[in-house]
């Protein structure tokens, strides 16, 4: 089992409701690939002082856009590769990226719990 965890940091403010729509679209698209189970997407929960960590792109100021954390579980590296070539996924990602530019960082790991 591989957990693919993405942190998406938006460049401009985005209403929380719009972020929810984006995350729901990503969840549906990933589940639709047939290779991911489960897929979980949530808003980053900021904590005081995290802005001092330069590498933490999920950091939010009170006026900043909510940031997203998406975790996709796949059976193995082949399933991950297959899932990330699904056209439906890139339609969703491209649509949101064109409307609300964001940066992405990710990590792949075995389940942490």
PDB file of N, CA and C in Angstrom:
ATOM      1  N   UNK A   1       0.850  -1.177   0.000  1.00  0.00           N
ATOM      2  CA  UNK A   1       0.000   0.000   0.000  1.00  0.00           C
ATOM      3  C   UNK A   1       0.892   1.235   0.000  1.00  0.00           C
ATOM      4  N   UNK A   2       0.560   2.184  -0.867  1.00  0.00           N
ATOM      5  CA  UNK A   2       1.258   3.468  -0.932  1.00  0.00           C
ATOM      6  C   UNK A   2       0.247   4.576  -0.666  1.00  0.00           C
ATOM      7  N   UNK A   3       0.626   5.510   0.188  1.00  0.00           N
ATOM      8  CA  UNK A   3      -0.165   6.714   0.398  1.00  0.00           C
ATOM      9  C   UNK A   3       0.536   7.852  -0.320  1.00  0.00           C
ATOM     10  N   UNK A   4      -0.161   8.436  -1.284  1.00  0.00           N
ATOM     11  CA  UNK A   4       0.336   9.587  -2.033  1.00  0.00           C
ATOM     12  C   UNK A   4      -0.330  10.798  -1.387  1.00  0.00           C
ATOM     13  N   UNK A   5       0.454  11.633  -0.707  1.00  0.00           N
ATOM     14  CA  UNK A   5      -0.086  12.794   0.002  1.00  0.00           C
ATOM     15  C   UNK A   5       0.355  14.060  -0.708  1.00  0.00           C
ATOM     16  N   UNK A   6      -0.621  14.873  -1.120  1.00  0.00           N
ATOM     17  CA  UNK A   6      -0.349  16.130  -1.815  1.00  0.00           C
ATOM     18  C   UNK A   6      -0.739  17.298  -0.926  1.00  0.00           C
ATOM     19  N   UNK A   7       0.057  18.351  -0.968  1.00  0.00           N
ATOM     20  CA  UNK A   7      -0.291  19.612  -0.318  1.00  0.00           C
ATOM     21  C   UNK A   7      -0.384  20.636  -1.434  1.00  0.00           C
ATOM     22  N   UNK A   8      -1.558  21.223  -1.581  1.00  0.00           N
ATOM     23  CA  UNK A   8      -1.818  22.204  -2.624  1.00  0.00           C
ATOM     24  C   UNK A   8      -1.911  23.580  -1.996  1.00  0.00           C
ATOM     25  N   UNK A   9      -1.057  24.490  -2.411  1.00  0.00           N
ATOM     26  CA  UNK A   9      -1.022  25.849  -1.888  1.00  0.00           C
ATOM     27  C   UNK A   9      -1.456  26.806  -2.990  1.00  0.00           C
ATOM     28  N   UNK A  10      -2.604  27.434  -2.797  1.00  0.00           N
ATOM     29  CA  UNK A  10      -3.162  28.322  -3.810  1.00  0.00           C
ATOM     30  C   UNK A  10      -2.456  29.670  -3.807  1.00  0.00           C
ATOM     31  N   UNK A  11      -2.383  30.290  -4.992  1.00  0.00           N
ATOM     32  CA  UNK A  11      -1.696  31.571  -5.132  1.00  0.00           C
ATOM     33  C   UNK A  11      -2.558  32.765  -4.739  1.00  0.00           C
ATOM     34  N   UNK A  12      -3.865  32.640  -4.859  1.00  0.00           N
ATOM     35  CA  UNK A  12      -4.789  33.741  -4.594  1.00  0.00           C
ATOM     36  C   UNK A  12      -5.907  33.276  -3.666  1.00  0.00           C
ATOM     37  N   UNK A  13      -6.564  34.225  -2.997  1.00  0.00           N
ATOM     38  CA  UNK A  13      -7.694  33.849  -2.134  1.00  0.00           C
ATOM     39  C   UNK A  13      -8.766  33.066  -2.898  1.00  0.00           C
ATOM     40  N   UNK A  14      -9.341  32.106  -2.228  1.00  0.00           N
ATOM     41  CA  UNK A  14     -10.389  31.260  -2.788  1.00  0.00           C
ATOM     42  C   UNK A  14     -11.399  31.000  -1.679  1.00  0.00           C
ATOM     43  N   UNK A  15     -12.672  31.278  -1.923  1.00  0.00           N
ATOM     44  CA  UNK A  15     -13.668  31.008  -0.891  1.00  0.00           C
ATOM     45  C   UNK A  15     -13.649  29.543  -0.461  1.00  0.00           C
ATOM     46  N   UNK A  16     -13.931  29.312   0.800  1.00  0.00           N
ATOM     47  CA  UNK A  16     -13.920  27.955   1.344  1.00  0.00           C
ATOM     48  C   UNK A  16     -14.866  27.048   0.567  1.00  0.00           C
ATOM     49  N   UNK A  17     -16.027  27.565   0.155  1.00  0.00           N
ATOM     50  CA  UNK A  17     -16.986  26.749  -0.604  1.00  0.00           C
ATOM     51  C   UNK A  17     -16.386  26.307  -1.937  1.00  0.00           C
ATOM     52  N   UNK A  18     -15.655  27.202  -2.605  1.00  0.00           N
ATOM     53  CA  UNK A  18     -15.026  26.842  -3.882  1.00  0.00           C
ATOM     54  C   UNK A  18     -13.937  25.806  -3.661  1.00  0.00           C
ATOM     55  N   UNK A  19     -13.185  25.946  -2.575  1.00  0.00           N
ATOM     56  CA  UNK A  19     -12.176  24.933  -2.263  1.00  0.00           C
ATOM     57  C   UNK A  19     -12.847  23.582  -2.040  1.00  0.00           C
ATOM     58  N   UNK A  20     -13.978  23.573  -1.363  1.00  0.00           N
ATOM     59  CA  UNK A  20     -14.725  22.330  -1.150  1.00  0.00           C
ATOM     60  C   UNK A  20     -15.137  21.690  -2.460  1.00  0.00           C
ATOM     61  N   UNK A  21     -15.568  22.495  -3.426  1.00  0.00           N
ATOM     62  CA  UNK A  21     -15.936  21.970  -4.743  1.00  0.00           C
ATOM     63  C   UNK A  21     -14.723  21.377  -5.443  1.00  0.00           C
ATOM     64  N   UNK A  22     -13.610  22.064  -5.348  1.00  0.00           N
ATOM     65  CA  UNK A  22     -12.380  21.577  -5.965  1.00  0.00           C
ATOM     66  C   UNK A  22     -11.979  20.238  -5.361  1.00  0.00           C
ATOM     67  N   UNK A  23     -11.971  20.163  -4.047  1.00  0.00           N
ATOM     68  CA  UNK A  23     -11.572  18.925  -3.374  1.00  0.00           C
ATOM     69  C   UNK A  23     -12.520  17.783  -3.700  1.00  0.00           C
ATOM     70  N   UNK A  24     -13.819  18.074  -3.759  1.00  0.00           N
ATOM     71  CA  UNK A  24     -14.787  17.035  -4.108  1.00  0.00           C
ATOM     72  C   UNK A  24     -14.543  16.535  -5.526  1.00  0.00           C
ATOM     73  N   UNK A  25     -14.211  17.440  -6.443  1.00  0.00           N
ATOM     74  CA  UNK A  25     -13.908  17.039  -7.821  1.00  0.00           C
ATOM     75  C   UNK A  25     -12.672  16.165  -7.900  1.00  0.00           C
ATOM     76  N   UNK A  26     -11.645  16.514  -7.127  1.00  0.00           N
ATOM     77  CA  UNK A  26     -10.428  15.706  -7.109  1.00  0.00           C
ATOM     78  C   UNK A  26     -10.727  14.316  -6.542  1.00  0.00           C
ATOM     79  N   UNK A  27     -11.498  14.273  -5.454  1.00  0.00           N
ATOM     80  CA  UNK A  27     -11.861  12.973  -4.864  1.00  0.00           C
ATOM     81  C   UNK A  27     -12.604  12.107  -5.880  1.00  0.00           C
ATOM     82  N   UNK A  28     -13.627  12.677  -6.539  1.00  0.00           N
ATOM     83  CA  UNK A  28     -14.409  11.910  -7.527  1.00  0.00           C
ATOM     84  C   UNK A  28     -13.523  11.421  -8.666  1.00  0.00           C
ATOM     85  N   UNK A  29     -12.651  12.304  -9.163  1.00  0.00           N
ATOM     86  CA  UNK A  29     -11.787  11.929 -10.286  1.00  0.00           C
ATOM     87  C   UNK A  29     -10.829  10.806  -9.891  1.00  0.00           C
ATOM     88  N   UNK A  30     -10.234  10.909  -8.709  1.00  0.00           N
ATOM     89  CA  UNK A  30      -9.301   9.866  -8.269  1.00  0.00           C
ATOM     90  C   UNK A  30     -10.027   8.541  -8.051  1.00  0.00           C
ATOM     91  N   UNK A  31     -11.192   8.589  -7.427  1.00  0.00           N
ATOM     92  CA  UNK A  31     -11.952   7.352  -7.237  1.00  0.00           C
ATOM     93  C   UNK A  31     -12.376   6.770  -8.583  1.00  0.00           C
ATOM     94  N   UNK A  32     -12.658   7.647  -9.543  1.00  0.00           N
ATOM     95  CA  UNK A  32     -13.066   7.206 -10.870  1.00  0.00           C
ATOM     96  C   UNK A  32     -11.964   6.506 -11.647  1.00  0.00           C
ATOM     97  N   UNK A  33     -10.719   6.647 -11.241  1.00  0.00           N
ATOM     98  CA  UNK A  33      -9.628   5.960 -11.929  1.00  0.00           C
ATOM     99  C   UNK A  33      -9.685   4.460 -11.685  1.00  0.00           C
ATOM    100  N   UNK A  34     -10.349   4.069 -10.609  1.00  0.00           N
ATOM    101  CA  UNK A  34     -10.430   2.650 -10.266  1.00  0.00           C
ATOM    102  C   UNK A  34      -9.181   2.111  -9.595  1.00  0.00           C
ATOM    103  N   UNK A  35      -8.190   2.951  -9.374  1.00  0.00           N
ATOM    104  CA  UNK A  35      -6.941   2.489  -8.761  1.00  0.00           C
ATOM    105  C   UNK A  35      -6.737   3.018  -7.353  1.00  0.00           C
ATOM    106  N   UNK A  36      -7.553   3.979  -6.946  1.00  0.00           N
ATOM    107  CA  UNK A  36      -7.357   4.634  -5.651  1.00  0.00           C
ATOM    108  C   UNK A  36      -8.509   4.317  -4.701  1.00  0.00           C
ATOM    109  N   UNK A  37      -8.164   3.928  -3.489  1.00  0.00           N
ATOM    110  CA  UNK A  37      -9.185   3.681  -2.472  1.00  0.00           C
ATOM    111  C   UNK A  37      -8.507   3.637  -1.119  1.00  0.00           C
ATOM    112  N   UNK A  38      -8.773   4.456  -0.213  1.00  0.00           N
ATOM    113  CA  UNK A  38      -9.643   5.626  -0.319  1.00  0.00           C
ATOM    114  C   UNK A  38      -8.901   6.854  -0.825  1.00  0.00           C
ATOM    115  N   UNK A  39      -9.678   7.914  -1.051  1.00  0.00           N
ATOM    116  CA  UNK A  39      -9.153   9.239  -1.367  1.00  0.00           C
ATOM    117  C   UNK A  39      -9.765  10.184  -0.354  1.00  0.00           C
ATOM    118  N   UNK A  40      -8.926  10.957   0.316  1.00  0.00           N
ATOM    119  CA  UNK A  40      -9.412  11.891   1.326  1.00  0.00           C
ATOM    120  C   UNK A  40      -8.797  13.253   1.053  1.00  0.00           C
ATOM    121  N   UNK A  41      -9.618  14.292   1.020  1.00  0.00           N
ATOM    122  CA  UNK A  41      -9.136  15.655   0.800  1.00  0.00           C
ATOM    123  C   UNK A  41      -9.713  16.546   1.887  1.00  0.00           C
ATOM    124  N   UNK A  42      -8.844  17.338   2.493  1.00  0.00           N
ATOM    125  CA  UNK A  42      -9.266  18.215   3.577  1.00  0.00           C
ATOM    126  C   UNK A  42      -8.528  19.547   3.491  1.00  0.00           C
ATOM    127  N   UNK A  43      -9.061  20.523   4.189  1.00  0.00           N
ATOM    128  CA  UNK A  43      -8.421  21.818   4.314  1.00  0.00           C
ATOM    129  C   UNK A  43      -7.290  21.710   5.327  1.00  0.00           C
ATOM    130  N   UNK A  44      -6.173  22.361   5.025  1.00  0.00           N
ATOM    131  CA  UNK A  44      -5.057  22.449   5.961  1.00  0.00           C
ATOM    132  C   UNK A  44      -5.506  23.220   7.199  1.00  0.00           C
ATOM    133  N   UNK A  45      -5.117  22.760   8.371  1.00  0.00           N
ATOM    134  CA  UNK A  45      -5.434  23.443   9.623  1.00  0.00           C
ATOM    135  C   UNK A  45      -4.176  24.156  10.114  1.00  0.00           C
ATOM    136  N   UNK A  46      -4.118  25.486   9.940  1.00  0.00           N
ATOM    137  CA  UNK A  46      -2.917  26.215  10.331  1.00  0.00           C
ATOM    138  C   UNK A  46      -2.757  26.265  11.849  1.00  0.00           C
ATOM    139  N   UNK A  47      -1.510  26.328  12.286  1.00  0.00           N
ATOM    140  CA  UNK A  47      -1.207  26.483  13.707  1.00  0.00           C
ATOM    141  C   UNK A  47      -0.269  27.676  13.863  1.00  0.00           C
ATOM    142  N   UNK A  48      -0.331  28.366  15.006  1.00  0.00           N
ATOM    143  CA  UNK A  48       0.531  29.527  15.211  1.00  0.00           C
ATOM    144  C   UNK A  48       2.011  29.173  15.055  1.00  0.00           C
ATOM    145  N   UNK A  49       2.742  30.048  14.382  1.00  0.00           N
ATOM    146  CA  UNK A  49       4.179  29.891  14.243  1.00  0.00           C
ATOM    147  C   UNK A  49       4.631  29.131  13.017  1.00  0.00           C
ATOM    148  N   UNK A  50       3.721  28.481  12.296  1.00  0.00           N
ATOM    149  CA  UNK A  50       4.171  27.684  11.157  1.00  0.00           C
ATOM    150  C   UNK A  50       4.669  28.551  10.014  1.00  0.00           C
ATOM    151  N   UNK A  51       4.322  29.807   9.991  1.00  0.00           N
ATOM    152  CA  UNK A  51       4.809  30.715   8.959  1.00  0.00           C
ATOM    153  C   UNK A  51       6.318  30.902   9.001  1.00  0.00           C
ATOM    154  N   UNK A  52       6.936  30.588  10.124  1.00  0.00           N
ATOM    155  CA  UNK A  52       8.387  30.722  10.263  1.00  0.00           C
ATOM    156  C   UNK A  52       9.138  29.582   9.573  1.00  0.00           C
ATOM    157  N   UNK A  53       8.422  28.570   9.120  1.00  0.00           N
ATOM    158  CA  UNK A  53       9.052  27.432   8.454  1.00  0.00           C
ATOM    159  C   UNK A  53       8.997  27.690   6.949  1.00  0.00           C
ATOM    160  N   UNK A  54      10.120  28.081   6.331  1.00  0.00           N
ATOM    161  CA  UNK A  54      10.077  28.477   4.918  1.00  0.00           C
ATOM    162  C   UNK A  54       9.655  27.375   3.957  1.00  0.00           C
ATOM    163  N   UNK A  55       9.871  26.133   4.281  1.00  0.00           N
ATOM    164  CA  UNK A  55       9.541  25.044   3.366  1.00  0.00           C
ATOM    165  C   UNK A  55       8.078  24.636   3.443  1.00  0.00           C
ATOM    166  N   UNK A  56       7.341  25.151   4.392  1.00  0.00           N
ATOM    167  CA  UNK A  56       5.953  24.730   4.578  1.00  0.00           C
ATOM    168  C   UNK A  56       5.041  25.554   3.676  1.00  0.00           C
ATOM    169  N   UNK A  57       4.706  25.032   2.511  1.00  0.00           N
ATOM    170  CA  UNK A  57       3.896  25.798   1.572  1.00  0.00           C
ATOM    171  C   UNK A  57       2.430  25.843   1.971  1.00  0.00           C
ATOM    172  N   UNK A  58       2.025  25.030   2.923  1.00  0.00           N
ATOM    173  CA  UNK A  58       0.622  25.030   3.325  1.00  0.00           C
ATOM    174  C   UNK A  58       0.303  26.150   4.297  1.00  0.00           C
ATOM    175  N   UNK A  59       1.285  26.890   4.736  1.00  0.00           N
ATOM    176  CA  UNK A  59       1.073  27.934   5.723  1.00  0.00           C
ATOM    177  C   UNK A  59       0.079  28.966   5.228  1.00  0.00           C
ATOM    178  N   UNK A  60      -0.803  29.362   6.114  1.00  0.00           N
ATOM    179  CA  UNK A  60      -1.814  30.358   5.791  1.00  0.00           C
ATOM    180  C   UNK A  60      -1.709  31.539   6.731  1.00  0.00           C
ATOM    181  N   UNK A  61      -1.929  32.727   6.219  1.00  0.00           N
ATOM    182  CA  UNK A  61      -2.148  33.881   7.075  1.00  0.00           C
ATOM    183  C   UNK A  61      -3.657  34.033   7.190  1.00  0.00           C
ATOM    184  N   UNK A  62      -4.158  34.850   8.123  1.00  0.00           N
ATOM    185  CA  UNK A  62      -5.618  34.966   8.256  1.00  0.00           C
ATOM    186  C   UNK A  62      -6.323  35.370   6.965  1.00  0.00           C
ATOM    187  N   UNK A  63      -5.661  36.155   6.099  1.00  0.00           N
ATOM    188  CA  UNK A  63      -6.300  36.600   4.860  1.00  0.00           C
ATOM    189  C   UNK A  63      -6.021  35.675   3.688  1.00  0.00           C
ATOM    190  N   UNK A  64      -5.227  34.654   3.900  1.00  0.00           N
ATOM    191  CA  UNK A  64      -4.825  33.787   2.790  1.00  0.00           C
ATOM    192  C   UNK A  64      -5.901  32.773   2.448  1.00  0.00           C
ATOM    193  N   UNK A  65      -5.721  32.189   1.312  1.00  0.00           N
ATOM    194  CA  UNK A  65      -6.617  31.156   0.822  1.00  0.00           C
ATOM    195  C   UNK A  65      -6.421  29.872   1.608  1.00  0.00           C
ATOM    196  N   UNK A  66      -7.502  29.150   1.874  1.00  0.00           N
ATOM    197  CA  UNK A  66      -7.310  27.824   2.477  1.00  0.00           C
ATOM    198  C   UNK A  66      -6.445  26.949   1.582  1.00  0.00           C
ATOM    199  N   UNK A  67      -5.663  26.114   2.195  1.00  0.00           N
ATOM    200  CA  UNK A  67      -4.779  25.197   1.500  1.00  0.00           C
ATOM    201  C   UNK A  67      -5.342  23.793   1.660  1.00  0.00           C
ATOM    202  N   UNK A  68      -5.080  22.932   0.696  1.00  0.00           N
ATOM    203  CA  UNK A  68      -5.651  21.588   0.712  1.00  0.00           C
ATOM    204  C   UNK A  68      -4.597  20.528   0.938  1.00  0.00           C
ATOM    205  N   UNK A  69      -5.006  19.480   1.624  1.00  0.00           N
ATOM    206  CA  UNK A  69      -4.203  18.284   1.791  1.00  0.00           C
ATOM    207  C   UNK A  69      -5.029  17.139   1.224  1.00  0.00           C
ATOM    208  N   UNK A  70      -4.459  16.416   0.266  1.00  0.00           N
ATOM    209  CA  UNK A  70      -5.160  15.306  -0.387  1.00  0.00           C
ATOM    210  C   UNK A  70      -4.334  14.048  -0.193  1.00  0.00           C
ATOM    211  N   UNK A  71      -4.978  12.976   0.287  1.00  0.00           N
ATOM    212  CA  UNK A  71      -4.261  11.715   0.442  1.00  0.00           C
ATOM    213  C   UNK A  71      -4.974  10.639  -0.368  1.00  0.00           C
ATOM    214  N   UNK A  72      -4.187   9.974  -1.217  1.00  0.00           N
ATOM    215  CA  UNK A  72      -4.697   8.935  -2.101  1.00  0.00           C
ATOM    216  C   UNK A  72      -3.996   7.631  -1.739  1.00  0.00           C
ATOM    217  N   UNK A  73      -4.759   6.595  -1.466  1.00  0.00           N
ATOM    218  CA  UNK A  73      -4.179   5.281  -1.177  1.00  0.00           C
ATOM    219  C   UNK A  73      -4.296   4.406  -2.415  1.00  0.00           C
ATOM    220  N   UNK A  74      -3.177   3.794  -2.781  1.00  0.00           N
ATOM    221  CA  UNK A  74      -3.136   2.886  -3.927  1.00  0.00           C
ATOM    222  C   UNK A  74      -2.410   1.612  -3.521  1.00  0.00           C
ATOM    223  N   UNK A  75      -2.662   0.541  -4.250  1.00  0.00           N
ATOM    224  CA  UNK A  75      -2.087  -0.755  -3.893  1.00  0.00           C
ATOM    225  C   UNK A  75      -0.573  -0.781  -4.029  1.00  0.00           C
ATOM    226  N   UNK A  76      -0.046  -0.168  -5.113  1.00  0.00           N
ATOM    227  CA  UNK A  76       1.391  -0.242  -5.372  1.00  0.00           C
ATOM    228  C   UNK A  76       1.777   0.841  -6.367  1.00  0.00           C
ATOM    229  N   UNK A  77       3.048   0.861  -6.751  1.00  0.00           N
ATOM    230  CA  UNK A  77       3.547   1.890  -7.667  1.00  0.00           C
ATOM    231  C   UNK A  77       2.867   1.809  -9.037  1.00  0.00           C
ATOM    232  N   UNK A  78       2.548   0.611  -9.497  1.00  0.00           N
ATOM    233  CA  UNK A  78       1.858   0.471 -10.784  1.00  0.00           C
ATOM    234  C   UNK A  78       0.468   1.092 -10.730  1.00  0.00           C
ATOM    235  N   UNK A  79      -0.260   0.856  -9.651  1.00  0.00           N
ATOM    236  CA  UNK A  79      -1.601   1.430  -9.508  1.00  0.00           C
ATOM    237  C   UNK A  79      -1.521   2.954  -9.430  1.00  0.00           C
ATOM    238  N   UNK A  80      -0.509   3.462  -8.746  1.00  0.00           N
ATOM    239  CA  UNK A  80      -0.336   4.914  -8.652  1.00  0.00           C
ATOM    240  C   UNK A  80      -0.086   5.499 -10.035  1.00  0.00           C
ATOM    241  N   UNK A  81       0.812   4.899 -10.791  1.00  0.00           N
ATOM    242  CA  UNK A  81       1.122   5.382 -12.137  1.00  0.00           C
ATOM    243  C   UNK A  81      -0.105   5.334 -13.039  1.00  0.00           C
ATOM    244  N   UNK A  82      -0.858   4.242 -12.979  1.00  0.00           N
ATOM    245  CA  UNK A  82      -2.055   4.105 -13.808  1.00  0.00           C
ATOM    246  C   UNK A  82      -3.091   5.155 -13.433  1.00  0.00           C
ATOM    247  N   UNK A  83      -3.306   5.356 -12.151  1.00  0.00           N
ATOM    248  CA  UNK A  83      -4.288   6.337 -11.694  1.00  0.00           C
ATOM    249  C   UNK A  83      -3.959   7.754 -12.110  1.00  0.00           C
ATOM    250  N   UNK A  84      -2.679   8.081 -12.123  1.00  0.00           N
ATOM    251  CA  UNK A  84      -2.285   9.437 -12.457  1.00  0.00           C
ATOM    252  C   UNK A  84      -2.165   9.672 -13.957  1.00  0.00           C
ATOM    253  N   UNK A  85      -2.562   8.700 -14.765  1.00  0.00           N
ATOM    254  CA  UNK A  85      -2.647   8.909 -16.209  1.00  0.00           C
ATOM    255  C   UNK A  85      -4.099   8.975 -16.670  1.00  0.00           C
ATOM    256  N   UNK A  86      -5.038   8.886 -15.739  1.00  0.00           N
ATOM    257  CA  UNK A  86      -6.458   8.922 -16.088  1.00  0.00           C
ATOM    258  C   UNK A  86      -6.855  10.311 -16.589  1.00  0.00           C
ATOM    259  N   UNK A  87      -7.433  10.412 -17.802  1.00  0.00           N
ATOM    260  CA  UNK A  87      -7.792  11.718 -18.364  1.00  0.00           C
ATOM    261  C   UNK A  87      -8.741  12.522 -17.485  1.00  0.00           C
ATOM    262  N   UNK A  88      -9.697  11.881 -16.853  1.00  0.00           N
ATOM    263  CA  UNK A  88     -10.661  12.598 -16.024  1.00  0.00           C
ATOM    264  C   UNK A  88     -10.009  13.361 -14.885  1.00  0.00           C
ATOM    265  N   UNK A  89      -8.946  12.800 -14.342  1.00  0.00           N
ATOM    266  CA  UNK A  89      -8.235  13.462 -13.252  1.00  0.00           C
ATOM    267  C   UNK A  89      -7.628  14.772 -13.741  1.00  0.00           C
ATOM    268  N   UNK A  90      -6.976  14.735 -14.889  1.00  0.00           N
ATOM    269  CA  UNK A  90      -6.320  15.944 -15.382  1.00  0.00           C
ATOM    270  C   UNK A  90      -7.309  16.990 -15.859  1.00  0.00           C
ATOM    271  N   UNK A  91      -8.490  16.587 -16.291  1.00  0.00           N
ATOM    272  CA  UNK A  91      -9.533  17.567 -16.624  1.00  0.00           C
ATOM    273  C   UNK A  91      -9.880  18.379 -15.390  1.00  0.00           C
ATOM    274  N   UNK A  92     -10.071  17.704 -14.260  1.00  0.00           N
ATOM    275  CA  UNK A  92     -10.401  18.395 -13.008  1.00  0.00           C
ATOM    276  C   UNK A  92      -9.237  19.273 -12.566  1.00  0.00           C
ATOM    277  N   UNK A  93      -8.032  18.705 -12.540  1.00  0.00           N
ATOM    278  CA  UNK A  93      -6.864  19.465 -12.081  1.00  0.00           C
ATOM    279  C   UNK A  93      -6.590  20.666 -12.982  1.00  0.00           C
ATOM    280  N   UNK A  94      -6.668  20.487 -14.285  1.00  0.00           N
ATOM    281  CA  UNK A  94      -6.412  21.588 -15.213  1.00  0.00           C
ATOM    282  C   UNK A  94      -7.462  22.688 -15.083  1.00  0.00           C
ATOM    283  N   UNK A  95      -8.725  22.287 -14.910  1.00  0.00           N
ATOM    284  CA  UNK A  95      -9.800  23.279 -14.756  1.00  0.00           C
ATOM    285  C   UNK A  95      -9.555  24.144 -13.528  1.00  0.00           C
ATOM    286  N   UNK A  96      -9.231  23.527 -12.398  1.00  0.00           N
ATOM    287  CA  UNK A  96      -9.001  24.290 -11.174  1.00  0.00           C
ATOM    288  C   UNK A  96      -7.700  25.074 -11.252  1.00  0.00           C
ATOM    289  N   UNK A  97      -6.670  24.496 -11.851  1.00  0.00           N
ATOM    290  CA  UNK A  97      -5.391  25.204 -11.972  1.00  0.00           C
ATOM    291  C   UNK A  97      -5.547  26.453 -12.838  1.00  0.00           C
ATOM    292  N   UNK A  98      -6.371  26.388 -13.896  1.00  0.00           N
ATOM    293  CA  UNK A  98      -6.562  27.556 -14.766  1.00  0.00           C
ATOM    294  C   UNK A  98      -7.366  28.650 -14.066  1.00  0.00           C
ATOM    295  N   UNK A  99      -8.274  28.275 -13.196  1.00  0.00           N
ATOM    296  CA  UNK A  99      -9.097  29.255 -12.472  1.00  0.00           C
ATOM    297  C   UNK A  99      -8.404  29.790 -11.225  1.00  0.00           C
ATOM    298  N   UNK A 100      -7.719  28.911 -10.532  1.00  0.00           N
ATOM    299  CA  UNK A 100      -7.104  29.242  -9.245  1.00  0.00           C
ATOM    300  C   UNK A 100      -5.720  28.593  -9.180  1.00  0.00           C
ATOM    301  N   UNK A 101      -4.693  29.262  -9.709  1.00  0.00           N
ATOM    302  CA  UNK A 101      -3.353  28.667  -9.735  1.00  0.00           C
ATOM    303  C   UNK A 101      -2.895  28.222  -8.342  1.00  0.00           C
ATOM    304  N   UNK A 102      -2.196  27.109  -8.305  1.00  0.00           N
ATOM    305  CA  UNK A 102      -1.685  26.583  -7.046  1.00  0.00           C
ATOM    306  C   UNK A 102      -0.377  25.850  -7.280  1.00  0.00           C
ATOM    307  N   UNK A 103       0.367  25.710  -6.193  1.00  0.00           N
ATOM    308  CA  UNK A 103       1.600  24.928  -6.206  1.00  0.00           C
ATOM    309  C   UNK A 103       1.305  23.615  -5.505  1.00  0.00           C
ATOM    310  N   UNK A 104       1.998  22.572  -5.918  1.00  0.00           N
ATOM    311  CA  UNK A 104       1.778  21.256  -5.327  1.00  0.00           C
ATOM    312  C   UNK A 104       3.110  20.677  -4.875  1.00  0.00           C
ATOM    313  N   UNK A 105       3.098  20.083  -3.708  1.00  0.00           N
ATOM    314  CA  UNK A 105       4.205  19.262  -3.274  1.00  0.00           C
ATOM    315  C   UNK A 105       3.595  17.944  -2.825  1.00  0.00           C
ATOM    316  N   UNK A 106       4.350  16.876  -2.871  1.00  0.00           N
ATOM    317  CA  UNK A 106       3.794  15.594  -2.460  1.00  0.00           C
ATOM    318  C   UNK A 106       4.858  14.697  -1.869  1.00  0.00           C
ATOM    319  N   UNK A 107       4.356  13.689  -1.201  1.00  0.00           N
ATOM    320  CA  UNK A 107       5.219  12.645  -0.626  1.00  0.00           C
ATOM    321  C   UNK A 107       4.506  11.323  -0.808  1.00  0.00           C
ATOM    322  N   UNK A 108       5.285  10.280  -1.074  1.00  0.00           N
ATOM    323  CA  UNK A 108       4.763   8.917  -1.164  1.00  0.00           C
ATOM    324  C   UNK A 108       5.343   8.133  -0.014  1.00  0.00           C
ATOM    325  N   UNK A 109       4.474   7.385   0.673  1.00  0.00           N
ATOM    326  CA  UNK A 109       4.951   6.620   1.829  1.00  0.00           C
ATOM    327  C   UNK A 109       4.073   5.384   2.029  1.00  0.00           C
ATOM    328  N   UNK A 110       4.564   4.489   2.832  1.00  0.00           N
ATOM    329  CA  UNK A 110       3.704   3.417   3.326  1.00  0.00           C
ATOM    330  C   UNK A 110       2.741   4.063   4.328  1.00  0.00           C
ATOM    331  N   UNK A 111       1.619   3.428   4.657  1.00  0.00           N
ATOM    332  CA  UNK A 111       0.705   4.012   5.637  1.00  0.00           C
ATOM    333  C   UNK A 111       1.446   4.379   6.925  1.00  0.00           C
ATOM    334  N   UNK A 112       1.143   5.554   7.451  1.00  0.00           N
ATOM    335  CA  UNK A 112       1.808   6.033   8.650  1.00  0.00           C
ATOM    336  C   UNK A 112       1.140   5.516   9.922  1.00  0.00           C
ATOM    337  N   UNK A 113      -0.077   5.063   9.817  1.00  0.00           N
ATOM    338  CA  UNK A 113      -0.790   4.543  10.992  1.00  0.00           C
ATOM    339  C   UNK A 113      -1.248   3.142  10.720  1.00  0.00           C
TER     340      UNK A 113
END
